[in-house]
Amino acid sequence: MTNRWAGVTVDCVDVERVAAFWSVLLDRPQGPSEPGWIYLGHRDDPLPRLVFQPVAEPKQGKVRLHLDVAVDDIEQGMAQAIALGGGFTGERHAYDEGVVVVMTDPEGHEFCMAQYY
């Protein structure tokens, strides 16, 4: 038996808004999707699919699993995320290997954005 990572599913109240944010930020086109859901990428892509699942309740509390997004320029990456409807939590860390900031998507799902040196 072979197990493989197929995707990451994000619960969203506004599936279209959250999927559009991630589609532009990661340059991942929408693939075949079920009604009411949006999938970025295809099942056979080399990268895992991002799946946006509709739910009635808004996010509560800090997510325990998050995406890490690598960027060439941290300031430009942050500006793009904010322009797309995301936010900056104010959390920023400088490490020997680079800088990491904690950002949010339009529904408040936290993710790390990192510029590696």
Protein backbone atom coordinates (compact mmCIF):
# COMPACT_ATOMS: atom_id res chain seq x y z
CA MET A 1 0.00 0.00 0.00
CA THR A 2 1.29 3.46 -0.90
CA ASN A 3 0.13 6.55 0.97
CA ARG A 4 0.69 10.01 -0.45
CA TRP A 5 -0.19 13.53 0.46
CA ALA A 6 -3.08 14.58 -1.81
CA GLY A 7 -4.08 17.98 -0.50
CA VAL A 8 -4.88 20.44 2.25
CA THR A 9 -8.50 21.33 3.00
CA VAL A 10 -9.45 24.74 4.39
CA ASP A 11 -12.87 25.32 5.97
CA CYS A 12 -14.37 28.63 4.75
CA VAL A 13 -17.54 30.63 5.14
CA ASP A 14 -16.85 32.44 1.82
CA VAL A 15 -15.22 29.75 -0.32
CA GLU A 16 -14.89 31.93 -3.42
CA ARG A 17 -13.16 34.80 -1.59
CA VAL A 18 -10.68 32.60 0.28
CA ALA A 19 -9.92 30.42 -2.77
CA ALA A 20 -9.36 33.53 -4.93
CA PHE A 21 -6.88 34.88 -2.35
CA TRP A 22 -4.82 31.67 -2.35
CA SER A 23 -5.10 31.22 -6.13
CA VAL A 24 -3.48 34.59 -6.80
CA LEU A 25 -1.00 34.44 -3.91
CA LEU A 26 0.31 31.01 -4.95
CA ASP A 27 -0.36 31.30 -8.70
CA ARG A 28 -2.43 28.08 -8.56
CA PRO A 29 -5.34 27.85 -11.01
CA GLN A 30 -8.68 26.37 -10.11
CA GLY A 31 -9.06 22.75 -11.10
CA PRO A 32 -12.11 20.53 -11.36
CA SER A 33 -14.24 21.14 -8.27
CA GLU A 34 -17.35 19.75 -6.62
CA PRO A 35 -20.40 22.07 -6.44
CA GLY A 36 -19.89 24.63 -3.65
CA TRP A 37 -16.23 23.66 -3.19
CA ILE A 38 -13.17 25.05 -4.96
CA TYR A 39 -10.01 23.06 -5.66
CA LEU A 40 -6.76 24.73 -6.64
CA GLY A 41 -4.73 22.37 -8.76
CA HIS A 42 -5.50 18.86 -9.89
CA ARG A 43 -5.34 15.51 -8.12
CA ASP A 44 -2.28 14.47 -10.18
CA ASP A 45 -0.30 17.73 -9.77
CA PRO A 46 3.18 17.44 -8.24
CA LEU A 47 2.07 19.88 -5.51
CA PRO A 48 -0.79 18.96 -3.17
CA ARG A 49 -4.18 20.36 -4.10
CA LEU A 50 -5.68 23.10 -1.96
CA VAL A 51 -9.33 22.38 -1.27
CA PHE A 52 -11.73 25.04 0.01
CA GLN A 53 -14.72 23.50 1.79
CA PRO A 54 -17.84 25.49 2.69
CA VAL A 55 -18.79 25.60 6.36
CA ALA A 56 -21.40 27.67 8.22
CA GLU A 57 -19.33 28.71 11.23
CA PRO A 58 -16.43 31.22 11.11
CA LYS A 59 -12.92 30.31 12.25
CA GLN A 60 -12.38 30.44 16.00
CA GLY A 61 -8.98 30.46 17.69
CA LYS A 62 -5.55 29.86 16.25
CA VAL A 63 -5.19 27.18 13.59
CA ARG A 64 -2.93 24.32 14.65
CA LEU A 65 -1.77 23.52 11.11
CA HIS A 66 -0.74 26.21 8.65
CA LEU A 67 0.87 26.74 5.27
CA ASP A 68 4.36 28.21 4.84
CA VAL A 69 4.81 30.45 1.80
CA ALA A 70 8.34 31.29 0.57
CA VAL A 71 8.79 34.67 -1.13
CA ASP A 72 11.73 36.42 -2.77
CA ASP A 73 11.00 39.73 -1.00
CA ILE A 74 9.17 39.73 2.34
CA GLU A 75 7.88 43.31 2.06
CA GLN A 76 6.47 42.72 -1.44
CA GLY A 77 4.96 39.41 -0.35
CA MET A 78 3.28 41.03 2.64
CA ALA A 79 1.96 43.88 0.49
CA GLN A 80 0.51 41.41 -2.02
CA ALA A 81 -1.22 39.37 0.70
CA ILE A 82 -2.72 42.53 2.22
CA ALA A 83 -3.84 43.85 -1.19
CA LEU A 84 -5.61 40.52 -1.78
CA GLY A 85 -7.61 40.92 1.45
CA GLY A 86 -5.27 39.21 3.90
CA GLY A 87 -3.68 40.72 6.97
CA PHE A 88 -0.49 40.93 9.04
CA THR A 89 -0.69 39.72 12.64
CA GLY A 90 2.25 41.87 13.75
CA GLU A 91 4.34 38.78 14.44
CA ARG A 92 7.77 38.91 12.78
CA HIS A 93 10.85 36.76 13.45
CA ALA A 94 14.42 37.23 12.21
CA TYR A 95 16.52 34.08 12.05
CA ASP A 96 19.99 33.40 10.65
CA GLU A 97 18.38 31.73 7.62
CA GLY A 98 15.82 34.46 6.96
CA VAL A 99 12.78 36.37 8.14
CA VAL A 100 9.33 34.93 8.87
CA VAL A 101 6.10 36.87 9.33
CA VAL A 102 2.70 35.55 10.35
CA MET A 103 -0.02 36.61 7.92
CA THR A 104 -3.73 35.79 7.60
CA ASP A 105 -6.00 35.07 4.66
CA PRO A 106 -9.34 36.93 4.30
CA GLU A 107 -11.04 34.70 6.91
CA GLY A 108 -8.21 34.91 9.45
CA HIS A 109 -6.44 31.59 8.75
CA GLU A 110 -2.83 32.16 9.81
CA PHE A 111 0.09 31.27 7.56
CA CYS A 112 3.81 31.97 7.61
CA MET A 113 5.49 33.96 4.88
CA ALA A 114 9.25 33.56 4.75
CA GLN A 115 12.13 35.13 2.88
CA TYR A 116 15.18 32.89 3.09
CA TYR A 117 18.69 34.31 2.73
